[in-house]
């Protein structure tokens, strides 16, 4: 009985301790930062943070370009800088947290060119000037060694952005030769030389000798006739032998097929390259489809960490996200990797018919509030962020900003699926494909040679006998 009494007493003490602990935690949660003043740092990154500076005469930032369209969708938040307001996902997120947690705040806007790693490092300082950082900052293992992160408020992935028109605006003199490979063009040129020579051989005895043309000039004229025979059926050619006519018929057949094949493949080549990006995803970059020096990466960011660890140490360094778009448009780079939310918003609202997002998302990342190490109110902030997610308020904020687009649906990268298979890409025709055509033409000319030999057999025999006599006389 004594053991049972002790058990009851111990159990009772345990219950009392639980009640005390629970009451203590409830008191801490209820008293979170009521009357506390938070110094919040943000950095411009549409659609998370859209900065509007009313004092700037010519705003050039991406968010300011459609300020008139977004100003009626939510109330802006004032910042510490006079005339500077912020809109976007983060502004609405701060308002929701303020309603539930009853704190006051001051918002500072960081320099847009400030590196993300440097931004995070501000909270690792002992004499820090800010309490939290709220923007599109991903929680990574390296950053967690210096600072803490709240529960994620948004899940994102990396994606690739490139030009809608993959080719440079500089003049290309040889782009029209793309439908055929170089060996096919060499074979076409060889056919013209070959056909002109044999036509000259077939016709030289029947031509009027009053023209007094040299052999070289006659061969050059034959080359011109061969070219016109491949491109068009020239009715002005006056041929006197059946061998020449048979050769020209072979050229006609070869020319019709080559011109039809060239035209169809050129149309396909131009159409496909106008309608799809020239890379289909991250695998194309890993496989070296683009020179690494033509890939733009924002330095000192989670993206640069991933790129250096998994792809290459060579890239074109960019100082901020906004520079991605300008470097793509001036053809300094051909592609870039960035957070999908940022580049999809930019393409859908600012660069509709100029840039496109290609491939599927890769490397999932979580955006969270950056906190100092051992921050007193971290647990309470996490609870309220989860409450916003459970009440679907975070989802409604995401729908307002992430799905917004001013471009037409036909030009939107989000509504266009550019994930093409490898066999859908334009391919040039090689000699392996068209070699049979040239072989058929050689057979036709061989038959023409047979006709020519039969037609001129007496002349050939006479010339042969005269040659034998000359050889015998020279031997004597």
Protein backbone atom coordinates (compact mmCIF):
# COMPACT_ATOMS: atom_id res chain seq x y z
CA UNK A 1 0.00 0.00 0.00
CA UNK A 2 2.85 2.32 0.73
CA UNK A 3 4.23 1.84 -2.80
CA UNK A 4 0.85 2.62 -4.29
CA UNK A 5 0.59 5.75 -2.12
CA UNK A 6 3.99 6.91 -3.33
CA UNK A 7 2.94 6.27 -6.92
CA UNK A 8 -0.16 8.37 -6.45
CA UNK A 9 1.80 11.12 -4.77
CA UNK A 10 4.43 11.12 -7.56
CA UNK A 11 1.72 11.07 -10.17
CA UNK A 12 0.01 13.97 -8.51
CA UNK A 13 3.21 15.98 -8.45
CA UNK A 14 3.72 15.20 -12.11
CA UNK A 15 0.24 16.48 -12.92
CA UNK A 16 0.87 19.65 -11.00
CA UNK A 17 4.13 20.21 -12.88
CA UNK A 18 2.41 19.75 -16.22
CA UNK A 19 -0.25 22.26 -15.35
CA UNK A 20 2.36 24.77 -14.29
CA UNK A 21 4.40 24.27 -17.44
CA UNK A 22 1.32 24.52 -19.67
CA UNK A 23 0.24 27.71 -17.94
CA UNK A 24 3.71 29.17 -18.35
CA UNK A 25 3.76 28.40 -22.07
CA UNK A 26 0.30 29.83 -22.60
CA UNK A 27 1.31 33.00 -20.81
CA UNK A 28 4.44 33.32 -23.00
CA UNK A 29 2.46 32.85 -26.21
CA UNK A 30 -0.21 35.33 -25.26
CA UNK A 31 2.31 37.99 -24.25
CA UNK A 32 4.34 37.71 -27.48
CA UNK A 33 5.77 41.09 -28.39
CA UNK A 34 2.63 43.00 -27.49
CA UNK A 35 3.99 46.52 -27.57
CA UNK A 36 7.32 45.22 -28.93
CA UNK A 37 8.84 47.13 -31.83
CA UNK A 38 10.39 45.02 -34.62
CA UNK A 39 12.98 46.37 -37.04
CA UNK A 40 12.25 44.58 -40.31
CA UNK A 41 14.62 44.53 -43.29
CA UNK A 42 13.38 43.69 -46.79
CA UNK A 43 14.96 43.66 -50.24
CA UNK A 44 13.20 44.29 -53.52
CA UNK A 45 12.17 41.04 -55.21
CA UNK A 46 8.82 41.08 -57.03
CA UNK A 47 6.31 39.59 -56.31
CA UNK A 48 7.52 39.24 -52.69
CA UNK A 49 8.66 42.83 -52.24
CA UNK A 50 7.62 45.46 -54.79
CA UNK A 51 9.17 48.84 -53.99
CA UNK A 52 7.63 52.09 -55.14
CA UNK A 53 9.61 55.30 -54.71
CA UNK A 54 7.29 58.25 -55.27
CA UNK A 55 10.23 60.65 -55.19
CA UNK A 56 11.93 58.99 -58.17
CA UNK A 57 11.07 60.74 -61.44
CA UNK A 58 11.83 57.76 -63.69
CA UNK A 59 11.42 54.51 -61.75
CA UNK A 60 13.13 51.70 -63.58
CA UNK A 61 12.64 48.78 -61.24
CA UNK A 62 10.50 45.87 -62.34
CA UNK A 63 7.88 46.45 -59.66
CA UNK A 64 7.46 50.12 -60.52
CA UNK A 65 6.68 49.40 -64.17
CA UNK A 66 3.07 48.39 -63.43
CA UNK A 67 2.56 50.38 -60.24
CA UNK A 68 -0.80 51.71 -61.45
CA UNK A 69 -2.08 48.15 -61.83
CA UNK A 70 -1.05 46.88 -58.38
CA UNK A 71 -1.75 49.93 -56.22
CA UNK A 72 -5.48 49.07 -56.03
CA UNK A 73 -4.96 45.43 -55.09
CA UNK A 74 -3.60 45.93 -51.56
CA UNK A 75 -2.63 48.64 -49.13
CA UNK A 76 1.08 49.54 -49.20
CA UNK A 77 3.31 49.64 -46.16
CA UNK A 78 5.36 52.68 -45.34
CA UNK A 79 9.09 52.34 -44.82
CA UNK A 80 11.66 54.27 -42.87
CA UNK A 81 12.56 56.16 -46.04
CA UNK A 82 10.13 59.00 -46.91
CA UNK A 83 8.22 58.39 -50.12
CA UNK A 84 9.17 54.70 -50.33
CA UNK A 85 6.33 52.18 -50.12
CA UNK A 86 6.33 48.41 -50.45
CA UNK A 87 3.68 46.15 -51.95
CA UNK A 88 3.58 42.43 -52.59
CA UNK A 89 3.43 39.14 -50.76
CA UNK A 90 5.68 40.23 -47.89
CA UNK A 91 3.66 43.41 -47.25
CA UNK A 92 0.41 41.45 -46.92
CA UNK A 93 2.21 38.81 -44.84
CA UNK A 94 3.47 41.43 -42.37
CA UNK A 95 -0.05 42.86 -42.06
CA UNK A 96 -1.49 39.44 -41.20
CA UNK A 97 1.21 38.81 -38.58
CA UNK A 98 0.68 42.25 -37.08
CA UNK A 99 -3.06 41.64 -36.72
CA UNK A 100 -2.48 38.42 -34.80
CA UNK A 101 0.63 39.30 -32.78
CA UNK A 102 0.00 43.01 -32.11
CA UNK A 103 3.52 44.33 -32.56
CA UNK A 104 4.72 47.56 -34.08
CA UNK A 105 7.38 47.68 -36.75
CA UNK A 106 9.72 49.77 -38.85
CA UNK A 107 10.57 48.60 -42.36
CA UNK A 108 13.92 49.27 -43.98
CA UNK A 109 14.63 48.53 -47.66
CA UNK A 110 18.08 47.12 -48.40
CA UNK A 111 20.18 48.13 -51.37
CA UNK A 112 18.99 46.01 -54.37
CA UNK A 113 22.61 45.18 -55.24
CA UNK A 114 23.30 43.74 -51.78
CA UNK A 115 24.19 40.04 -51.91
CA UNK A 116 21.81 37.62 -50.19
CA UNK A 117 24.60 36.07 -48.11
CA UNK A 118 25.59 39.55 -46.91
CA UNK A 119 21.96 40.29 -46.12
CA UNK A 120 21.69 37.21 -43.91
CA UNK A 121 24.98 38.00 -42.20
CA UNK A 122 23.52 41.26 -40.85
CA UNK A 123 21.57 39.30 -38.24
CA UNK A 124 24.67 37.38 -37.15
CA UNK A 125 26.34 40.55 -35.85
CA UNK A 126 26.34 41.31 -32.14
CA UNK A 127 25.32 44.93 -32.64
CA UNK A 128 22.70 44.16 -35.27
CA UNK A 129 20.44 46.95 -36.48
CA UNK A 130 17.53 44.70 -37.47
CA UNK A 131 15.42 42.08 -35.71
CA UNK A 132 14.18 40.03 -38.67
CA UNK A 133 14.69 39.88 -42.44
CA UNK A 134 11.67 39.10 -44.59
CA UNK A 135 11.99 38.46 -48.30
CA UNK A 136 12.67 35.60 -50.73
CA UNK A 137 15.50 34.17 -48.62
CA UNK A 138 15.86 30.41 -48.64
CA UNK A 139 16.85 28.44 -45.58
CA UNK A 140 20.13 26.60 -46.29
CA UNK A 141 22.50 24.56 -44.16
CA UNK A 142 25.30 27.13 -44.43
CA UNK A 143 23.05 29.99 -43.38
CA UNK A 144 21.65 28.07 -40.42
CA UNK A 145 25.14 28.00 -38.92
CA UNK A 146 24.94 31.78 -38.55
CA UNK A 147 21.23 32.56 -38.07
CA UNK A 148 17.91 30.87 -37.37
CA UNK A 149 14.89 30.55 -39.65
CA UNK A 150 11.21 30.49 -38.91
CA UNK A 151 8.74 27.94 -40.22
CA UNK A 152 8.72 28.32 -44.05
CA UNK A 153 6.02 30.60 -45.40
CA UNK A 154 6.52 29.68 -49.08
CA UNK A 155 7.86 26.68 -50.99
CA UNK A 156 9.71 27.33 -54.24
CA UNK A 157 11.97 25.70 -56.85
CA UNK A 158 14.73 26.75 -59.20
CA UNK A 159 13.91 27.20 -62.89
CA UNK A 160 15.70 28.42 -66.01
CA UNK A 161 14.94 31.65 -67.82
CA UNK A 162 16.08 32.36 -71.35
CA UNK A 163 15.19 34.49 -74.36
CA UNK A 164 12.05 33.70 -76.30
CA UNK A 165 14.13 34.26 -79.45
CA UNK A 166 17.26 32.16 -78.85
CA UNK A 167 19.35 33.70 -81.60
CA UNK A 168 21.38 36.84 -81.48
CA UNK A 169 20.27 39.87 -83.45
CA UNK A 170 23.65 40.00 -85.18
CA UNK A 171 23.71 39.17 -88.89
CA UNK A 172 24.34 35.54 -89.77
CA UNK A 173 25.40 35.03 -93.38
CA UNK A 174 25.20 31.25 -93.33
CA UNK A 175 21.98 30.57 -91.40
CA UNK A 176 20.17 29.86 -94.67
CA UNK A 177 22.40 26.79 -95.14
CA UNK A 178 21.19 25.15 -91.91
CA UNK A 179 18.65 22.73 -93.49
CA UNK A 180 21.47 20.76 -95.17
CA UNK A 181 24.79 19.67 -93.75
CA UNK A 182 28.04 20.69 -95.39
CA UNK A 183 28.52 17.34 -97.12
CA UNK A 184 25.13 17.69 -98.83
CA UNK A 185 26.04 21.15 -100.13
CA UNK A 186 29.40 19.76 -101.32
CA UNK A 187 27.59 16.94 -103.13
CA UNK A 188 25.25 19.43 -104.84
CA UNK A 189 28.20 21.50 -106.02
CA UNK A 190 30.01 18.36 -107.23
CA UNK A 191 26.89 17.31 -109.18
CA UNK A 192 26.79 20.67 -110.96
CA UNK A 193 30.47 20.39 -111.95
CA UNK A 194 30.07 16.78 -113.02
CA UNK A 195 26.89 17.38 -115.05
CA UNK A 196 28.37 20.41 -116.83
CA UNK A 197 31.44 18.43 -117.88
CA UNK A 198 29.50 15.46 -119.24
CA UNK A 199 27.01 17.73 -121.05
CA UNK A 200 29.97 19.46 -122.65
CA UNK A 201 31.35 16.05 -123.68
CA UNK A 202 27.98 15.02 -125.12
CA UNK A 203 27.40 18.25 -127.03
CA UNK A 204 30.84 19.37 -128.14
CA UNK A 205 30.73 17.61 -131.52
CA UNK A 206 27.26 18.95 -132.39
CA UNK A 207 27.74 22.57 -131.38
CA UNK A 208 28.10 25.22 -134.00
CA UNK A 209 31.79 25.97 -134.26
CA UNK A 210 31.14 29.55 -135.36
CA UNK A 211 30.95 30.68 -131.74
CA UNK A 212 34.64 29.87 -131.28
CA UNK A 213 34.16 29.24 -127.56
CA UNK A 214 37.04 27.90 -125.52
CA UNK A 215 36.65 24.68 -123.55
CA UNK A 216 36.83 26.53 -120.22
CA UNK A 217 34.09 28.94 -121.24
CA UNK A 218 31.93 26.08 -122.47
CA UNK A 219 32.36 24.24 -119.15
CA UNK A 220 31.45 27.40 -117.17
CA UNK A 221 28.31 27.79 -119.25
CA UNK A 222 27.55 24.15 -118.53
CA UNK A 223 27.87 24.80 -114.78
CA UNK A 224 25.35 27.64 -115.06
CA UNK A 225 23.01 25.39 -117.03
CA UNK A 226 23.37 22.69 -114.36
CA UNK A 227 22.49 25.15 -111.59
CA UNK A 228 19.41 26.40 -113.39
CA UNK A 229 18.38 22.84 -114.11
CA UNK A 230 18.48 22.01 -110.37
CA UNK A 231 16.55 25.12 -109.33
CA UNK A 232 14.11 25.52 -112.26
CA UNK A 233 13.22 23.67 -115.44
CA UNK A 234 14.97 25.84 -118.00
CA UNK A 235 13.31 25.45 -121.39
CA UNK A 236 15.94 27.55 -123.18
CA UNK A 237 18.55 24.80 -123.14
CA UNK A 238 19.02 23.53 -126.69
CA UNK A 239 20.27 19.98 -126.50
CA UNK A 240 20.94 17.87 -129.56
CA UNK A 241 21.77 14.47 -128.09
CA UNK A 242 19.64 12.01 -126.18
CA UNK A 243 22.42 11.60 -123.61
CA UNK A 244 22.30 15.30 -122.74
CA UNK A 245 18.50 15.23 -122.52
CA UNK A 246 18.60 12.22 -120.20
CA UNK A 247 21.18 13.97 -117.99
CA UNK A 248 19.04 17.10 -117.80
CA UNK A 249 15.98 15.02 -116.89
CA UNK A 250 18.00 13.51 -114.04
CA UNK A 251 18.95 17.00 -112.90
CA UNK A 252 15.30 18.06 -113.04
CA UNK A 253 14.25 15.16 -110.82
CA UNK A 254 17.13 15.76 -108.41
CA UNK A 255 16.42 19.49 -108.29
CA UNK A 256 12.70 19.10 -107.59
CA UNK A 257 13.31 16.79 -104.63
CA UNK A 258 16.18 18.89 -103.23
CA UNK A 259 14.25 22.17 -103.47
CA UNK A 260 11.13 20.62 -101.87
CA UNK A 261 13.20 19.07 -99.07
CA UNK A 262 15.14 22.30 -98.46
CA UNK A 263 11.97 24.42 -98.38
CA UNK A 264 10.14 22.10 -95.99
CA UNK A 265 13.09 21.73 -93.64
CA UNK A 266 13.84 25.47 -93.66
CA UNK A 267 10.22 26.23 -92.75
CA UNK A 268 10.34 23.66 -89.94
CA UNK A 269 13.70 24.99 -88.77
CA UNK A 270 12.45 28.58 -88.55
CA UNK A 271 9.09 27.67 -86.99
CA UNK A 272 10.45 25.40 -84.26
CA UNK A 273 13.22 27.76 -83.24
CA UNK A 274 10.80 30.67 -83.07
CA UNK A 275 8.31 28.79 -80.90
CA UNK A 276 10.52 27.04 -78.34
CA UNK A 277 13.60 27.85 -76.28
CA UNK A 278 16.86 26.30 -77.30
CA UNK A 279 17.35 24.52 -73.95
CA UNK A 280 14.76 22.29 -72.32
CA UNK A 281 15.97 22.12 -68.72
CA UNK A 282 18.83 21.87 -66.27
CA UNK A 283 20.18 18.71 -67.93
CA UNK A 284 21.02 20.69 -71.07
CA UNK A 285 23.13 23.06 -68.96
CA UNK A 286 24.84 20.19 -67.15
CA UNK A 287 25.62 18.51 -70.49
CA UNK A 288 27.30 21.66 -71.82
CA UNK A 289 24.70 22.59 -74.44
CA UNK A 290 25.52 26.20 -73.57
CA UNK A 291 28.97 27.58 -72.74
CA UNK A 292 29.19 28.05 -68.98
CA UNK A 293 30.38 31.61 -69.54
CA UNK A 294 26.99 32.36 -71.14
CA UNK A 295 25.00 31.31 -68.05
CA UNK A 296 24.21 34.14 -65.63
CA UNK A 297 24.22 33.41 -61.91
CA UNK A 298 23.49 35.84 -59.06
CA UNK A 299 26.60 35.64 -56.87
CA UNK A 300 26.60 35.03 -53.10
CA UNK A 301 23.18 33.41 -53.16
CA UNK A 302 21.70 29.95 -52.63
CA UNK A 303 21.58 29.58 -56.43
CA UNK A 304 25.29 30.23 -56.83
CA UNK A 305 26.00 27.72 -54.04
CA UNK A 306 23.99 25.06 -55.89
CA UNK A 307 25.56 25.89 -59.26
CA UNK A 308 29.13 25.73 -57.98
CA UNK A 309 28.57 22.47 -56.10
CA UNK A 310 26.70 20.62 -58.84
CA UNK A 311 27.52 22.11 -62.24
CA UNK A 312 30.62 24.26 -62.68
CA UNK A 313 32.71 27.03 -61.18
CA UNK A 314 32.48 28.99 -64.45
CA UNK A 315 29.57 31.35 -64.99
CA UNK A 316 28.74 34.96 -65.78
CA UNK A 317 28.53 36.78 -62.44
CA UNK A 318 25.44 38.92 -61.79
CA UNK A 319 25.07 41.25 -58.83
CA UNK A 320 21.25 41.18 -58.52
CA UNK A 321 18.18 39.47 -59.92
CA UNK A 322 17.14 42.46 -62.01
CA UNK A 323 20.41 42.13 -63.94
CA UNK A 324 19.29 38.72 -65.24
CA UNK A 325 16.71 40.32 -67.50
CA UNK A 326 18.93 43.10 -68.83
CA UNK A 327 21.81 40.71 -69.62
CA UNK A 328 19.48 38.33 -71.43
CA UNK A 329 17.99 41.12 -73.52
CA UNK A 330 21.37 42.56 -74.55
CA UNK A 331 22.60 39.03 -75.46
CA UNK A 332 25.39 39.04 -72.87
CA UNK A 333 24.11 35.71 -71.51
CA UNK A 334 21.88 33.01 -72.98
CA UNK A 335 20.25 31.61 -69.84
CA UNK A 336 20.07 32.01 -66.08
CA UNK A 337 18.89 30.06 -63.03
CA UNK A 338 16.66 31.73 -60.48
CA UNK A 339 13.76 31.17 -58.08
CA UNK A 340 10.73 30.21 -60.14
CA UNK A 341 8.36 32.66 -58.41
CA UNK A 342 10.54 35.63 -59.29
CA UNK A 343 11.21 34.86 -62.94
CA UNK A 344 7.67 33.63 -63.67
CA UNK A 345 6.28 36.87 -62.27
CA UNK A 346 8.73 38.93 -64.31
CA UNK A 347 7.98 37.08 -67.55
CA UNK A 348 4.21 37.18 -67.01
CA UNK A 349 4.15 40.90 -66.27
CA UNK A 350 7.19 42.70 -67.71
CA UNK A 351 8.88 40.63 -70.44
CA UNK A 352 5.94 38.92 -72.14
CA UNK A 353 7.24 38.58 -75.70
CA UNK A 354 10.95 38.73 -74.89
CA UNK A 355 11.82 36.14 -72.22
CA UNK A 356 10.46 32.73 -71.27
CA UNK A 357 10.78 30.23 -68.42
CA UNK A 358 11.69 26.76 -69.64
CA UNK A 359 11.93 23.28 -68.17
CA UNK A 360 10.46 21.93 -64.96
CA UNK A 361 11.36 23.09 -61.47
CA UNK A 362 14.32 21.52 -59.71
CA UNK A 363 15.95 21.85 -56.27
CA UNK A 364 13.09 22.68 -53.92
CA UNK A 365 13.73 25.55 -51.51
CA UNK A 366 11.86 27.02 -48.56
CA UNK A 367 11.51 30.75 -47.97
CA UNK A 368 11.44 31.65 -44.27
CA UNK A 369 11.86 34.62 -41.98
CA UNK A 370 15.51 35.16 -41.04
CA UNK A 371 15.95 35.41 -37.26
CA UNK A 372 18.89 35.98 -34.95
CA UNK A 373 20.24 32.96 -33.12
CA UNK A 374 18.19 32.06 -30.01
CA UNK A 375 15.59 34.73 -30.74
CA UNK A 376 13.17 34.98 -27.83
CA UNK A 377 9.97 34.90 -29.89
CA UNK A 378 10.87 32.28 -32.51
CA UNK A 379 8.42 29.65 -31.24
CA UNK A 380 5.54 32.11 -31.13
CA UNK A 381 6.29 33.32 -34.66
CA UNK A 382 6.34 29.74 -35.92
CA UNK A 383 2.97 29.04 -34.32
CA UNK A 384 1.36 32.06 -35.95
CA UNK A 385 2.85 31.26 -39.37
CA UNK A 386 1.43 27.75 -39.15
CA UNK A 387 -1.91 29.20 -38.08
CA UNK A 388 -1.94 31.42 -41.18
CA UNK A 389 -1.21 28.41 -43.34
CA UNK A 390 -3.91 26.29 -41.69
CA UNK A 391 -6.47 29.07 -42.14
CA UNK A 392 -5.45 29.31 -45.84
CA UNK A 393 -4.63 32.98 -45.51
CA UNK A 394 -1.10 32.36 -46.80
CA UNK A 395 -2.59 30.52 -49.75
CA UNK A 396 -4.91 33.42 -50.54
CA UNK A 397 -1.97 35.86 -50.44
CA UNK A 398 -0.02 33.59 -52.79
CA UNK A 399 -2.95 33.47 -55.20
CA UNK A 400 -3.15 37.25 -55.26
CA UNK A 401 0.50 37.82 -56.12
CA UNK A 402 1.96 34.66 -57.61
CA UNK A 403 -0.78 34.13 -60.18
CA UNK A 404 -1.03 37.75 -61.26
CA UNK A 405 -0.14 38.46 -64.88
CA UNK A 406 -0.64 41.33 -67.28
CA UNK A 407 0.52 39.50 -70.41
CA UNK A 408 -1.88 37.69 -72.70
CA UNK A 409 -2.29 33.98 -72.06
CA UNK A 410 -0.75 33.06 -75.41
CA UNK A 411 2.49 34.78 -74.49
CA UNK A 412 2.62 33.71 -70.86
CA UNK A 413 5.33 31.28 -69.97
CA UNK A 414 3.18 29.75 -67.25
CA UNK A 415 0.46 28.73 -69.68
CA UNK A 416 2.89 27.59 -72.36
CA UNK A 417 4.52 24.21 -72.04
CA UNK A 418 7.94 24.15 -73.68
CA UNK A 419 8.99 20.72 -72.46
CA UNK A 420 9.75 19.21 -75.84
CA UNK A 421 11.25 15.78 -76.49
CA UNK A 422 14.59 15.51 -78.23
CA UNK A 423 12.99 14.15 -81.39
CA UNK A 424 10.92 17.31 -81.79
CA UNK A 425 13.97 19.47 -82.32
CA UNK A 426 14.84 20.62 -85.81
CA UNK A 427 17.45 18.49 -87.46
CA UNK A 428 19.43 19.07 -90.61
CA UNK A 429 19.47 16.58 -93.47
CA UNK A 430 22.80 14.83 -93.88
CA UNK A 431 24.26 12.97 -96.83
CA UNK A 432 23.21 9.69 -95.21
CA UNK A 433 19.58 10.69 -95.77
CA UNK A 434 19.91 12.24 -99.24
CA UNK A 435 22.73 10.06 -100.58
CA UNK A 436 20.29 7.86 -102.49
CA UNK A 437 19.20 10.82 -104.64
CA UNK A 438 22.74 11.48 -105.78
CA UNK A 439 23.30 7.77 -106.42
CA UNK A 440 20.21 7.65 -108.65
CA UNK A 441 21.52 10.66 -110.58
CA UNK A 442 24.87 8.90 -111.09
CA UNK A 443 23.05 5.85 -112.45
CA UNK A 444 21.11 8.07 -114.87
CA UNK A 445 24.31 9.69 -116.10
CA UNK A 446 25.88 6.24 -116.50
CA UNK A 447 22.96 5.29 -118.75
CA UNK A 448 23.44 8.57 -120.63
CA UNK A 449 27.10 7.66 -121.14
CA UNK A 450 25.94 4.35 -122.59
CA UNK A 451 23.67 6.14 -125.06
CA UNK A 452 26.49 8.50 -125.96
CA UNK A 453 28.91 5.64 -126.61
CA UNK A 454 26.34 3.86 -128.81
CA UNK A 455 25.58 7.06 -130.74
CA UNK A 456 29.24 7.94 -131.29
CA UNK A 457 30.59 4.41 -131.62
CA UNK A 458 31.87 4.93 -135.21
CA UNK A 459 33.67 8.11 -134.25
CA UNK A 460 35.08 6.48 -131.15
CA UNK A 461 36.25 3.43 -133.11
CA UNK A 462 37.84 5.63 -135.77
CA UNK A 463 39.65 7.69 -133.15
CA UNK A 464 40.78 4.49 -131.42
CA UNK A 465 42.24 3.05 -134.68
CA UNK A 466 44.02 6.32 -135.45
CA UNK A 467 45.55 6.33 -132.01
CA UNK A 468 46.81 2.75 -132.48
CA UNK A 469 48.41 3.68 -135.81
CA UNK A 470 50.16 6.65 -134.26
CA UNK A 471 51.52 4.49 -131.50
CA UNK A 472 52.84 1.95 -134.01
CA UNK A 473 54.47 4.66 -136.11
CA UNK A 474 56.12 6.14 -133.05
CA UNK A 475 57.48 2.71 -132.08
CA UNK A 476 59.00 2.25 -135.55
